[in-house]
Amino acid sequence: MDNAIHSRYCIAPLLHHRCDPCLAAAVLALVGGGWLGWSHWRSQPLFSEHYATVRGQALQVRLPDGSQMLLDAASQAQVQLFRGRREVRLLEGQALFHASADAQRPFEVRAGHTLVTVLGTRFSVRHTRAVCDPAVAAMRMGGSFKLREATSFAQALPLLLPVRLKTEGGVTEIVKAR
């Protein structure tokens, strides 16, 4: 009698072999969906703001991570802070940065095709729009930073400042001249 009740009300033994592919697909969908959701969550900025100054105006901004930005006259910058990095797009003009030290979240400034990456230092970036292409200048005032996809201006940088360029693995780093 117990077997009759068990076989009548418990269909799990009958479905066990038929649902193995279904179970595997459900687990795969759950894991894949979770990973996609987590990736999307990580890629969303925690803070996003656009700053602009007009001719004759300067703007000092304290960012939520403790970093500071002094935006010079006639300049524009887009600031986004993510969970894994801090990013500033200097659209035009000049800015002085004092990036707070955070080894887990590098501070990146994009100006044209140039990317300046620091972990915590004071530096200045200038992005001017010439007739053909923008020129980018980066001046370190303390600490160290890396310069990627350097424009032709970067090759002239050692002539203008007491620095030298060191390139390894496609990354150009500006280091203090000896």
Foldseek 3Di string as FASTA:
>chain_A
DVVVVCVVPPCCVVCVVVCPVVVVVVVVCVVVVVVVVVVVQQPDFPDKDKDAAAAPDWDWDQDPVRKIKIFDHGWIWIWTHGPQETEIETAAAKMKIFAQADPRYWYWYHAFQKIKTDRGAIKMWHWHQDPPGIAIDIGGDDDWIKMAPHDPVVVCRVVVDQWDWDDDPRIITTGGHD
